[in-house]
Amino acid sequence: MTPGTETTSTDKRSDRTRAAILRAARERFAAHGYERTTIRAVAADADIDPSMVMRYFGNKAQLFDAALAIDLRLPDLTAPVPPDELARVLVRHFLDRWEGDPADDALLVLLRSAVTNEHAAARMHEIFATQIAPALAAALGPELAARRAGLVSSQLLGLGLTRYLLRLPAVTALTRDEIEDGLAPAIKATLESH
C-alpha cells in the first residue's frame, strides 16, 4: 500500500458516511419535522449505527443545523438594480429557489420546523438576519435595510408557507407571473415606506 493511500480511503469513506447521514436527516426532517425526527431513525435510514450520527454531529440540534445549512443564494444587489425592479427581483428569486431543485428543499424544511420548534425558529432568524438585511443594504443602505428586512422576510416566508407547505388552493393556482405581479407591489411598498 502506498503511503497516504489509507488516509485518502478513510477520508472518502468518512465523507460518504457524512453525506449519507445528512441526506437521511434532510429527508427525515422534511417528512417528520424536528420534534418527531430521532437520531435512531436517521441512522436506520442511512444504514449505520446511531453512534456514528453522534460521532459526526454530536446531537440532534447540531445534526439539524448541518442538514439545513442554507445559503439563500440571493442575487447580487450591489450592481444597480432599478428601485422599481428590486421587489420583483426578490420575488422571482424566491420562486426560483423554492421551485428549482426539489432535492434542495432545506428552506421549506426549516420553515415547517420553525413553526413548532424554538431551535428551528432561531436558525430561521439567523439565516434571514445574516442574509436578507445585508443583501438589501446594498440596494437601500444599511439603516433602511435593517428596518425593512423583517417585513420583506415575512412576506416572502408567507408565500412559502401558503404555496408550498399549506398548499392553499388560491395560492397554488397562481402562475409565477401572477405571484410576481401581485406580491412585488406589496414588497415594493414595504421597501419604500418611511
N, C-alpha and C. Protein backbone atom coordinates (compact mmCIF):
# COMPACT_ATOMS: atom_id res chain seq x y z
N MET A 1 0.85 -1.17 0.00
CA MET A 1 0.00 0.00 0.00
C MET A 1 0.90 1.24 0.00
N THR A 2 0.58 2.19 -0.84
CA THR A 2 1.34 3.42 -0.94
C THR A 2 1.07 4.28 0.28
N PRO A 3 2.15 4.89 0.85
CA PRO A 3 1.92 5.77 2.00
C PRO A 3 0.91 6.87 1.64
N GLY A 4 -0.01 7.13 2.55
CA GLY A 4 -1.02 8.17 2.33
C GLY A 4 -2.30 7.64 1.70
N THR A 5 -2.25 6.47 1.08
CA THR A 5 -3.42 5.89 0.42
C THR A 5 -4.49 5.52 1.43
N GLU A 6 -4.06 4.98 2.58
CA GLU A 6 -5.00 4.58 3.62
C GLU A 6 -5.79 5.77 4.14
N THR A 7 -5.12 6.89 4.36
CA THR A 7 -5.79 8.09 4.83
C THR A 7 -6.81 8.57 3.82
N THR A 8 -6.45 8.57 2.54
CA THR A 8 -7.35 9.01 1.49
C THR A 8 -8.58 8.12 1.43
N SER A 9 -8.40 6.82 1.55
CA SER A 9 -9.50 5.87 1.53
C SER A 9 -10.42 6.10 2.73
N THR A 10 -9.83 6.31 3.90
CA THR A 10 -10.60 6.57 5.12
C THR A 10 -11.36 7.88 5.00
N ASP A 11 -10.71 8.91 4.45
CA ASP A 11 -11.37 10.21 4.26
C ASP A 11 -12.57 10.09 3.33
N LYS A 12 -12.42 9.34 2.24
CA LYS A 12 -13.51 9.17 1.29
C LYS A 12 -14.67 8.42 1.92
N ARG A 13 -14.35 7.38 2.70
CA ARG A 13 -15.39 6.61 3.39
C ARG A 13 -16.10 7.52 4.41
N SER A 14 -15.33 8.32 5.12
CA SER A 14 -15.89 9.24 6.09
C SER A 14 -16.81 10.27 5.41
N ASP A 15 -16.37 10.80 4.26
CA ASP A 15 -17.18 11.75 3.50
C ASP A 15 -18.48 11.12 3.04
N ARG A 16 -18.41 9.86 2.58
CA ARG A 16 -19.63 9.16 2.13
C ARG A 16 -20.59 8.94 3.30
N THR A 17 -20.04 8.56 4.46
CA THR A 17 -20.88 8.33 5.63
C THR A 17 -21.56 9.63 6.05
N ARG A 18 -20.79 10.69 6.11
CA ARG A 18 -21.33 12.01 6.48
C ARG A 18 -22.43 12.43 5.50
N ALA A 19 -22.18 12.25 4.21
CA ALA A 19 -23.17 12.62 3.19
C ALA A 19 -24.44 11.78 3.33
N ALA A 20 -24.29 10.49 3.62
CA ALA A 20 -25.45 9.61 3.80
C ALA A 20 -26.28 10.04 5.01
N ILE A 21 -25.60 10.42 6.08
CA ILE A 21 -26.31 10.89 7.28
C ILE A 21 -27.07 12.17 6.97
N LEU A 22 -26.42 13.12 6.32
CA LEU A 22 -27.07 14.40 6.01
C LEU A 22 -28.27 14.20 5.08
N ARG A 23 -28.13 13.33 4.09
CA ARG A 23 -29.23 13.05 3.16
C ARG A 23 -30.41 12.44 3.93
N ALA A 24 -30.12 11.47 4.78
CA ALA A 24 -31.18 10.83 5.57
C ALA A 24 -31.83 11.83 6.52
N ALA A 25 -31.01 12.68 7.12
CA ALA A 25 -31.54 13.68 8.06
C ALA A 25 -32.45 14.67 7.34
N ARG A 26 -32.05 15.16 6.18
CA ARG A 26 -32.89 16.10 5.43
C ARG A 26 -34.24 15.47 5.10
N GLU A 27 -34.21 14.22 4.65
CA GLU A 27 -35.46 13.53 4.30
C GLU A 27 -36.33 13.33 5.54
N ARG A 28 -35.72 12.94 6.64
CA ARG A 28 -36.45 12.71 7.89
C ARG A 28 -37.06 14.01 8.40
N PHE A 29 -36.24 15.08 8.46
CA PHE A 29 -36.75 16.37 8.94
C PHE A 29 -37.86 16.87 8.03
N ALA A 30 -37.73 16.65 6.72
CA ALA A 30 -38.75 17.10 5.77
C ALA A 30 -40.06 16.35 5.99
N ALA A 31 -39.97 15.06 6.21
CA ALA A 31 -41.18 14.23 6.36
C ALA A 31 -41.81 14.33 7.74
N HIS A 32 -40.98 14.48 8.78
CA HIS A 32 -41.50 14.37 10.15
C HIS A 32 -41.28 15.60 11.02
N GLY A 33 -40.55 16.58 10.52
CA GLY A 33 -40.27 17.77 11.32
C GLY A 33 -39.20 17.48 12.36
N TYR A 34 -38.83 18.50 13.07
CA TYR A 34 -37.75 18.40 14.05
C TYR A 34 -38.15 17.51 15.23
N GLU A 35 -39.32 17.76 15.78
CA GLU A 35 -39.73 17.07 17.01
C GLU A 35 -39.82 15.55 16.85
N ARG A 36 -40.34 15.10 15.72
CA ARG A 36 -40.57 13.66 15.55
C ARG A 36 -39.40 12.93 14.90
N THR A 37 -38.36 13.65 14.52
CA THR A 37 -37.17 13.01 13.95
C THR A 37 -36.26 12.58 15.09
N THR A 38 -35.77 11.35 15.00
CA THR A 38 -34.85 10.85 16.03
C THR A 38 -33.52 10.48 15.40
N ILE A 39 -32.49 10.48 16.22
CA ILE A 39 -31.15 10.06 15.78
C ILE A 39 -31.22 8.61 15.29
N ARG A 40 -31.94 7.77 16.01
CA ARG A 40 -32.06 6.35 15.62
C ARG A 40 -32.70 6.20 14.24
N ALA A 41 -33.73 6.98 13.97
CA ALA A 41 -34.41 6.89 12.67
C ALA A 41 -33.48 7.36 11.54
N VAL A 42 -32.76 8.43 11.78
CA VAL A 42 -31.81 8.92 10.77
C VAL A 42 -30.74 7.86 10.51
N ALA A 43 -30.23 7.28 11.58
CA ALA A 43 -29.20 6.24 11.44
C ALA A 43 -29.73 5.05 10.67
N ALA A 44 -30.96 4.63 10.97
CA ALA A 44 -31.56 3.50 10.24
C ALA A 44 -31.71 3.83 8.76
N ASP A 45 -32.13 5.05 8.46
CA ASP A 45 -32.28 5.46 7.06
C ASP A 45 -30.93 5.49 6.34
N ALA A 46 -29.88 5.85 7.07
CA ALA A 46 -28.53 5.91 6.47
C ALA A 46 -27.83 4.56 6.53
N ASP A 47 -28.48 3.58 7.15
CA ASP A 47 -27.95 2.22 7.29
C ASP A 47 -26.63 2.20 8.05
N ILE A 48 -26.61 2.94 9.17
CA ILE A 48 -25.43 2.96 10.04
C ILE A 48 -25.88 2.88 11.49
N ASP A 49 -24.93 2.71 12.37
CA ASP A 49 -25.21 2.67 13.81
C ASP A 49 -25.49 4.10 14.30
N PRO A 50 -26.45 4.28 15.22
CA PRO A 50 -26.74 5.62 15.75
C PRO A 50 -25.51 6.32 16.36
N SER A 51 -24.57 5.54 16.89
CA SER A 51 -23.38 6.15 17.47
C SER A 51 -22.57 6.92 16.42
N MET A 52 -22.67 6.50 15.16
CA MET A 52 -21.96 7.20 14.09
C MET A 52 -22.55 8.58 13.84
N VAL A 53 -23.86 8.69 13.97
CA VAL A 53 -24.50 10.01 13.81
C VAL A 53 -23.99 10.93 14.91
N MET A 54 -23.94 10.40 16.12
CA MET A 54 -23.45 11.19 17.25
C MET A 54 -21.97 11.56 17.06
N ARG A 55 -21.20 10.64 16.54
CA ARG A 55 -19.77 10.88 16.32
C ARG A 55 -19.55 12.04 15.35
N TYR A 56 -20.33 12.05 14.28
CA TYR A 56 -20.16 13.09 13.26
C TYR A 56 -20.82 14.41 13.63
N PHE A 57 -21.95 14.36 14.34
CA PHE A 57 -22.74 15.58 14.54
C PHE A 57 -23.03 15.93 15.99
N GLY A 58 -22.73 15.09 16.92
CA GLY A 58 -22.91 15.44 18.33
C GLY A 58 -24.30 15.17 18.87
N ASN A 59 -25.28 15.91 18.41
CA ASN A 59 -26.65 15.73 18.89
C ASN A 59 -27.64 16.14 17.81
N LYS A 60 -28.91 16.03 18.10
CA LYS A 60 -29.94 16.29 17.09
C LYS A 60 -29.92 17.74 16.63
N ALA A 61 -29.73 18.67 17.54
CA ALA A 61 -29.71 20.09 17.17
C ALA A 61 -28.55 20.39 16.21
N GLN A 62 -27.39 19.81 16.48
CA GLN A 62 -26.24 20.03 15.60
C GLN A 62 -26.45 19.34 14.25
N LEU A 63 -27.08 18.18 14.25
CA LEU A 63 -27.41 17.49 13.01
C LEU A 63 -28.39 18.33 12.19
N PHE A 64 -29.38 18.88 12.85
CA PHE A 64 -30.37 19.72 12.19
C PHE A 64 -29.68 20.92 11.53
N ASP A 65 -28.80 21.58 12.28
CA ASP A 65 -28.09 22.75 11.73
C ASP A 65 -27.24 22.36 10.52
N ALA A 66 -26.57 21.22 10.60
CA ALA A 66 -25.72 20.79 9.49
C ALA A 66 -26.57 20.39 8.28
N ALA A 67 -27.67 19.70 8.53
CA ALA A 67 -28.53 19.25 7.44
C ALA A 67 -29.22 20.43 6.76
N LEU A 68 -29.43 21.48 7.52
CA LEU A 68 -30.14 22.63 6.98
C LEU A 68 -29.24 23.87 6.93
N ALA A 69 -28.00 23.66 6.55
CA ALA A 69 -27.11 24.79 6.29
C ALA A 69 -27.61 25.43 5.01
N ILE A 70 -28.19 26.60 5.12
CA ILE A 70 -28.90 27.21 4.00
C ILE A 70 -28.21 28.48 3.54
N ASP A 71 -27.95 28.49 2.26
CA ASP A 71 -27.49 29.71 1.60
C ASP A 71 -28.64 30.14 0.71
N LEU A 72 -29.23 31.28 0.99
CA LEU A 72 -30.37 31.75 0.21
C LEU A 72 -29.98 32.09 -1.23
N ARG A 73 -28.68 32.19 -1.48
CA ARG A 73 -28.15 32.50 -2.81
C ARG A 73 -28.85 33.72 -3.39
N LEU A 74 -28.93 34.75 -2.57
CA LEU A 74 -29.60 35.97 -3.01
C LEU A 74 -28.84 36.60 -4.18
N PRO A 75 -29.56 37.23 -5.07
CA PRO A 75 -28.89 37.88 -6.20
C PRO A 75 -28.02 39.03 -5.70
N ASP A 76 -27.01 39.35 -6.48
CA ASP A 76 -26.11 40.45 -6.14
C ASP A 76 -26.85 41.76 -6.35
N LEU A 77 -27.16 42.43 -5.25
CA LEU A 77 -27.88 43.69 -5.33
C LEU A 77 -26.92 44.88 -5.26
N THR A 78 -25.59 44.60 -5.27
CA THR A 78 -24.63 45.70 -5.29
C THR A 78 -24.58 46.33 -6.68
N ALA A 79 -24.86 45.52 -7.71
CA ALA A 79 -24.97 46.10 -9.05
C ALA A 79 -26.27 46.90 -9.06
N PRO A 80 -26.29 47.97 -9.80
CA PRO A 80 -27.52 48.78 -9.77
C PRO A 80 -28.75 48.00 -10.21
N VAL A 81 -29.67 47.86 -9.31
CA VAL A 81 -30.97 47.26 -9.62
C VAL A 81 -31.95 48.43 -9.55
N PRO A 82 -32.65 48.68 -10.64
CA PRO A 82 -33.60 49.80 -10.60
C PRO A 82 -34.56 49.63 -9.43
N PRO A 83 -34.80 50.68 -8.66
CA PRO A 83 -35.68 50.57 -7.48
C PRO A 83 -37.04 49.96 -7.80
N ASP A 84 -37.55 50.24 -9.00
CA ASP A 84 -38.85 49.68 -9.37
C ASP A 84 -38.79 48.17 -9.60
N GLU A 85 -37.59 47.62 -9.79
CA GLU A 85 -37.43 46.19 -10.07
C GLU A 85 -36.99 45.37 -8.86
N LEU A 86 -36.53 46.01 -7.81
CA LEU A 86 -35.97 45.30 -6.66
C LEU A 86 -36.95 44.29 -6.08
N ALA A 87 -38.18 44.68 -5.85
CA ALA A 87 -39.17 43.77 -5.26
C ALA A 87 -39.42 42.59 -6.19
N ARG A 88 -39.54 42.86 -7.48
CA ARG A 88 -39.78 41.78 -8.45
C ARG A 88 -38.59 40.82 -8.50
N VAL A 89 -37.37 41.35 -8.41
CA VAL A 89 -36.17 40.51 -8.39
C VAL A 89 -36.20 39.58 -7.18
N LEU A 90 -36.59 40.10 -6.02
CA LEU A 90 -36.65 39.27 -4.81
C LEU A 90 -37.73 38.18 -4.92
N VAL A 91 -38.91 38.55 -5.39
CA VAL A 91 -39.99 37.56 -5.53
C VAL A 91 -39.56 36.47 -6.51
N ARG A 92 -39.02 36.87 -7.65
CA ARG A 92 -38.59 35.91 -8.67
C ARG A 92 -37.51 34.99 -8.10
N HIS A 93 -36.58 35.57 -7.35
CA HIS A 93 -35.50 34.75 -6.77
C HIS A 93 -36.07 33.68 -5.84
N PHE A 94 -37.00 34.06 -4.96
CA PHE A 94 -37.55 33.08 -4.03
C PHE A 94 -38.40 32.03 -4.74
N LEU A 95 -39.11 32.42 -5.76
CA LEU A 95 -39.84 31.43 -6.55
C LEU A 95 -38.86 30.45 -7.20
N ASP A 96 -37.78 30.98 -7.77
CA ASP A 96 -36.76 30.10 -8.35
C ASP A 96 -36.17 29.18 -7.30
N ARG A 97 -35.92 29.72 -6.12
CA ARG A 97 -35.29 28.96 -5.03
C ARG A 97 -36.19 27.81 -4.59
N TRP A 98 -37.48 28.10 -4.41
CA TRP A 98 -38.40 27.08 -3.93
C TRP A 98 -38.82 26.10 -5.01
N GLU A 99 -38.88 26.55 -6.22
CA GLU A 99 -39.37 25.67 -7.29
C GLU A 99 -38.25 25.08 -8.12
N GLY A 100 -37.01 25.41 -7.79
CA GLY A 100 -35.87 24.93 -8.55
C GLY A 100 -35.58 23.47 -8.32
N ASP A 101 -34.58 23.20 -7.52
CA ASP A 101 -34.11 21.84 -7.27
C ASP A 101 -34.91 21.21 -6.14
N PRO A 102 -35.76 20.20 -6.45
CA PRO A 102 -36.57 19.59 -5.39
C PRO A 102 -35.73 18.94 -4.30
N ALA A 103 -34.50 18.58 -4.61
CA ALA A 103 -33.63 17.98 -3.60
C ALA A 103 -33.12 19.04 -2.62
N ASP A 104 -33.25 20.31 -3.00
CA ASP A 104 -32.76 21.39 -2.15
C ASP A 104 -33.95 22.11 -1.52
N ASP A 105 -34.72 21.37 -0.74
CA ASP A 105 -35.89 21.97 -0.10
C ASP A 105 -35.60 22.30 1.36
N ALA A 106 -34.34 22.52 1.68
CA ALA A 106 -33.94 22.77 3.06
C ALA A 106 -34.66 23.99 3.64
N LEU A 107 -34.87 25.02 2.85
CA LEU A 107 -35.55 26.21 3.34
C LEU A 107 -36.99 25.89 3.75
N LEU A 108 -37.66 25.07 2.96
CA LEU A 108 -39.03 24.69 3.32
C LEU A 108 -39.06 23.77 4.53
N VAL A 109 -38.07 22.89 4.63
CA VAL A 109 -37.97 22.02 5.81
C VAL A 109 -37.78 22.88 7.06
N LEU A 110 -36.91 23.86 6.95
CA LEU A 110 -36.67 24.75 8.09
C LEU A 110 -37.93 25.55 8.42
N LEU A 111 -38.63 26.05 7.41
CA LEU A 111 -39.86 26.80 7.65
C LEU A 111 -40.89 25.93 8.36
N ARG A 112 -41.05 24.70 7.90
CA ARG A 112 -42.00 23.77 8.53
C ARG A 112 -41.63 23.54 10.00
N SER A 113 -40.36 23.34 10.25
CA SER A 113 -39.91 23.04 11.61
C SER A 113 -39.95 24.28 12.51
N ALA A 114 -39.69 25.44 11.94
CA ALA A 114 -39.63 26.68 12.73
C ALA A 114 -40.96 27.04 13.37
N VAL A 115 -42.04 26.55 12.79
CA VAL A 115 -43.37 26.86 13.31
C VAL A 115 -43.59 26.24 14.69
N THR A 116 -42.96 25.09 14.95
CA THR A 116 -43.22 24.38 16.20
C THR A 116 -41.99 24.18 17.08
N ASN A 117 -40.82 24.58 16.61
CA ASN A 117 -39.60 24.30 17.36
C ASN A 117 -38.75 25.55 17.52
N GLU A 118 -38.39 25.86 18.76
CA GLU A 118 -37.62 27.08 19.04
C GLU A 118 -36.24 27.06 18.40
N HIS A 119 -35.59 25.91 18.39
CA HIS A 119 -34.26 25.82 17.78
C HIS A 119 -34.34 26.12 16.29
N ALA A 120 -35.33 25.55 15.63
CA ALA A 120 -35.51 25.80 14.19
C ALA A 120 -35.88 27.26 13.94
N ALA A 121 -36.70 27.83 14.80
CA ALA A 121 -37.06 29.24 14.65
C ALA A 121 -35.83 30.13 14.80
N ALA A 122 -34.99 29.82 15.77
CA ALA A 122 -33.76 30.59 15.96
C ALA A 122 -32.85 30.47 14.74
N ARG A 123 -32.80 29.29 14.16
CA ARG A 123 -32.00 29.07 12.95
C ARG A 123 -32.55 29.90 11.80
N MET A 124 -33.87 29.95 11.66
CA MET A 124 -34.50 30.76 10.61
C MET A 124 -34.19 32.23 10.83
N HIS A 125 -34.28 32.69 12.07
CA HIS A 125 -33.95 34.09 12.38
C HIS A 125 -32.53 34.40 11.94
N GLU A 126 -31.62 33.51 12.30
CA GLU A 126 -30.20 33.72 11.98
C GLU A 126 -29.97 33.81 10.47
N ILE A 127 -30.57 32.90 9.73
CA ILE A 127 -30.37 32.88 8.27
C ILE A 127 -30.89 34.16 7.63
N PHE A 128 -32.09 34.57 8.02
CA PHE A 128 -32.65 35.77 7.41
C PHE A 128 -31.94 37.04 7.88
N ALA A 129 -31.52 37.07 9.14
CA ALA A 129 -30.81 38.25 9.63
C ALA A 129 -29.45 38.41 8.98
N THR A 130 -28.79 37.29 8.73
CA THR A 130 -27.43 37.38 8.19
C THR A 130 -27.39 37.41 6.67
N GLN A 131 -28.54 37.17 6.01
CA GLN A 131 -28.52 37.14 4.55
C GLN A 131 -29.44 38.18 3.90
N ILE A 132 -30.65 38.35 4.40
CA ILE A 132 -31.58 39.31 3.78
C ILE A 132 -31.15 40.75 4.03
N ALA A 133 -30.93 41.12 5.28
CA ALA A 133 -30.58 42.51 5.58
C ALA A 133 -29.30 42.96 4.87
N PRO A 134 -28.23 42.15 4.88
CA PRO A 134 -27.03 42.58 4.14
C PRO A 134 -27.26 42.71 2.64
N ALA A 135 -28.07 41.84 2.07
CA ALA A 135 -28.35 41.94 0.63
C ALA A 135 -29.14 43.21 0.33
N LEU A 136 -30.13 43.51 1.17
CA LEU A 136 -30.92 44.72 0.97
C LEU A 136 -30.09 45.98 1.22
N ALA A 137 -29.12 45.88 2.12
CA ALA A 137 -28.28 47.04 2.43
C ALA A 137 -27.56 47.55 1.19
N ALA A 138 -27.21 46.66 0.28
CA ALA A 138 -26.52 47.06 -0.95
C ALA A 138 -27.42 47.96 -1.80
N ALA A 139 -28.73 47.71 -1.74
CA ALA A 139 -29.66 48.48 -2.57
C ALA A 139 -30.28 49.66 -1.84
N LEU A 140 -30.50 49.50 -0.52
CA LEU A 140 -31.24 50.51 0.23
C LEU A 140 -30.40 51.33 1.20
N GLY A 141 -29.22 50.83 1.52
CA GLY A 141 -28.43 51.42 2.59
C GLY A 141 -28.70 50.64 3.86
N PRO A 142 -27.71 50.58 4.76
CA PRO A 142 -27.82 49.71 5.94
C PRO A 142 -28.95 50.06 6.91
N GLU A 143 -29.21 51.32 7.14
CA GLU A 143 -30.24 51.69 8.12
C GLU A 143 -31.64 51.30 7.65
N LEU A 144 -31.96 51.63 6.41
CA LEU A 144 -33.28 51.30 5.88
C LEU A 144 -33.42 49.78 5.71
N ALA A 145 -32.35 49.13 5.27
CA ALA A 145 -32.40 47.68 5.09
C ALA A 145 -32.69 46.98 6.41
N ALA A 146 -32.07 47.42 7.48
CA ALA A 146 -32.28 46.80 8.79
C ALA A 146 -33.74 46.93 9.21
N ARG A 147 -34.37 48.06 8.89
CA ARG A 147 -35.76 48.27 9.28
C ARG A 147 -36.74 47.50 8.38
N ARG A 148 -36.37 47.26 7.15
CA ARG A 148 -37.28 46.63 6.19
C ARG A 148 -37.10 45.13 6.03
N ALA A 149 -35.94 44.61 6.39
CA ALA A 149 -35.64 43.20 6.14
C ALA A 149 -36.66 42.25 6.78
N GLY A 150 -37.10 42.54 7.99
CA GLY A 150 -38.05 41.67 8.68
C GLY A 150 -39.40 41.62 7.97
N LEU A 151 -39.88 42.78 7.53
CA LEU A 151 -41.17 42.82 6.84
C LEU A 151 -41.10 42.13 5.48
N VAL A 152 -40.00 42.35 4.76
CA VAL A 152 -39.83 41.69 3.47
C VAL A 152 -39.75 40.17 3.68
N SER A 153 -39.00 39.77 4.71
CA SER A 153 -38.89 38.34 5.03
C SER A 153 -40.25 37.74 5.34
N SER A 154 -41.08 38.47 6.09
CA SER A 154 -42.40 37.94 6.44
C SER A 154 -43.26 37.74 5.20
N GLN A 155 -43.14 38.63 4.23
CA GLN A 155 -43.92 38.48 3.01
C GLN A 155 -43.43 37.27 2.19
N LEU A 156 -42.12 37.13 2.08
CA LEU A 156 -41.56 36.02 1.30
C LEU A 156 -41.80 34.68 1.99
N LEU A 157 -41.65 34.64 3.31
CA LEU A 157 -41.92 33.40 4.05
C LEU A 157 -43.42 33.07 4.03
N GLY A 158 -44.25 34.10 4.06
CA GLY A 158 -45.69 33.87 3.93
C GLY A 158 -46.05 33.21 2.62
N LEU A 159 -45.39 33.64 1.56
CA LEU A 159 -45.58 32.99 0.26
C LEU A 159 -45.16 31.53 0.33
N GLY A 160 -43.98 31.27 0.91
CA GLY A 160 -43.50 29.89 1.03
C GLY A 160 -44.46 29.03 1.84
N LEU A 161 -44.94 29.57 2.94
CA LEU A 161 -45.85 28.82 3.81
C LEU A 161 -47.17 28.49 3.09
N THR A 162 -47.77 29.49 2.45
CA THR A 162 -49.09 29.27 1.86
C THR A 162 -49.05 28.49 0.54
N ARG A 163 -47.97 28.67 -0.23
CA ARG A 163 -47.91 28.00 -1.54
C ARG A 163 -47.33 26.59 -1.46
N TYR A 164 -46.29 26.40 -0.63
CA TYR A 164 -45.55 25.14 -0.67
C TYR A 164 -45.80 24.23 0.53
N LEU A 165 -46.19 24.79 1.66
CA LEU A 165 -46.43 23.93 2.83
C LEU A 165 -47.92 23.72 3.07
N LEU A 166 -48.68 24.80 3.20
CA LEU A 166 -50.12 24.66 3.40
C LEU A 166 -50.85 24.34 2.10
N ARG A 167 -50.24 24.70 1.00
CA ARG A 167 -50.80 24.47 -0.34
C ARG A 167 -52.23 24.99 -0.46
N LEU A 168 -52.41 26.26 -0.07
CA LEU A 168 -53.72 26.87 -0.19
C LEU A 168 -54.09 26.96 -1.67
N PRO A 169 -55.25 26.42 -2.05
CA PRO A 169 -55.63 26.40 -3.47
C PRO A 169 -55.57 27.77 -4.15
N ALA A 170 -55.98 28.82 -3.45
CA ALA A 170 -55.97 30.15 -4.05
C ALA A 170 -54.55 30.62 -4.39
N VAL A 171 -53.56 30.09 -3.68
CA VAL A 171 -52.17 30.48 -3.92
C VAL A 171 -51.50 29.50 -4.88
N THR A 172 -51.76 28.22 -4.73
CA THR A 172 -51.13 27.24 -5.63
C THR A 172 -51.65 27.36 -7.07
N ALA A 173 -52.86 27.89 -7.23
CA ALA A 173 -53.43 28.05 -8.57
C ALA A 173 -52.79 29.20 -9.35
N LEU A 174 -52.11 30.09 -8.65
CA LEU A 174 -51.49 31.25 -9.31
C LEU A 174 -50.27 30.84 -10.12
N THR A 175 -50.10 31.48 -11.26
CA THR A 175 -48.87 31.27 -12.03
C THR A 175 -47.76 32.10 -11.39
N ARG A 176 -46.54 31.84 -11.79
CA ARG A 176 -45.41 32.62 -11.27
C ARG A 176 -45.59 34.09 -11.62
N ASP A 177 -46.04 34.38 -12.83
CA ASP A 177 -46.24 35.78 -13.23
C ASP A 177 -47.30 36.45 -12.37
N GLU A 178 -48.37 35.71 -12.07
CA GLU A 178 -49.42 36.28 -11.21
C GLU A 178 -48.90 36.56 -9.81
N ILE A 179 -48.05 35.67 -9.30
CA ILE A 179 -47.46 35.91 -7.98
C ILE A 179 -46.56 37.13 -8.02
N GLU A 180 -45.70 37.20 -9.02
CA GLU A 180 -44.82 38.37 -9.14
C GLU A 180 -45.64 39.65 -9.24
N ASP A 181 -46.66 39.64 -10.09
CA ASP A 181 -47.49 40.84 -10.29
C ASP A 181 -48.25 41.22 -9.03
N GLY A 182 -48.65 40.24 -8.24
CA GLY A 182 -49.41 40.53 -7.02
C GLY A 182 -48.55 40.85 -5.82
N LEU A 183 -47.44 40.15 -5.65
CA LEU A 183 -46.62 40.32 -4.44
C LEU A 183 -45.58 41.42 -4.57
N ALA A 184 -45.03 41.60 -5.76
CA ALA A 184 -43.97 42.61 -5.93
C ALA A 184 -44.42 44.01 -5.52
N PRO A 185 -45.63 44.46 -5.87
CA PRO A 185 -46.04 45.80 -5.42
C PRO A 185 -46.13 45.93 -3.90
N ALA A 186 -46.54 44.86 -3.22
CA ALA A 186 -46.60 44.90 -1.75
C ALA A 186 -45.21 45.00 -1.16
N ILE A 187 -44.27 44.24 -1.70
CA ILE A 187 -42.88 44.30 -1.20
C ILE A 187 -42.27 45.65 -1.55
N LYS A 188 -42.57 46.16 -2.74
CA LYS A 188 -42.06 47.48 -3.13
C LYS A 188 -42.57 48.54 -2.16
N ALA A 189 -43.85 48.47 -1.79
CA ALA A 189 -44.41 49.43 -0.84
C ALA A 189 -43.72 49.32 0.51
N THR A 190 -43.41 48.09 0.92
CA THR A 190 -42.68 47.88 2.19
C THR A 190 -41.30 48.51 2.12
N LEU A 191 -40.61 48.29 1.01
CA LEU A 191 -39.25 48.83 0.86
C LEU A 191 -39.24 50.34 0.84
N GLU A 192 -40.31 50.95 0.34
CA GLU A 192 -40.33 52.40 0.17
C GLU A 192 -40.99 53.14 1.31
N SER A 193 -41.66 52.43 2.23
CA SER A 193 -42.35 53.12 3.32
C SER A 193 -41.35 53.81 4.25
N HIS A 194 -41.79 54.86 4.85
CA HIS A 194 -40.88 55.66 5.71
C HIS A 194 -41.12 55.38 7.15
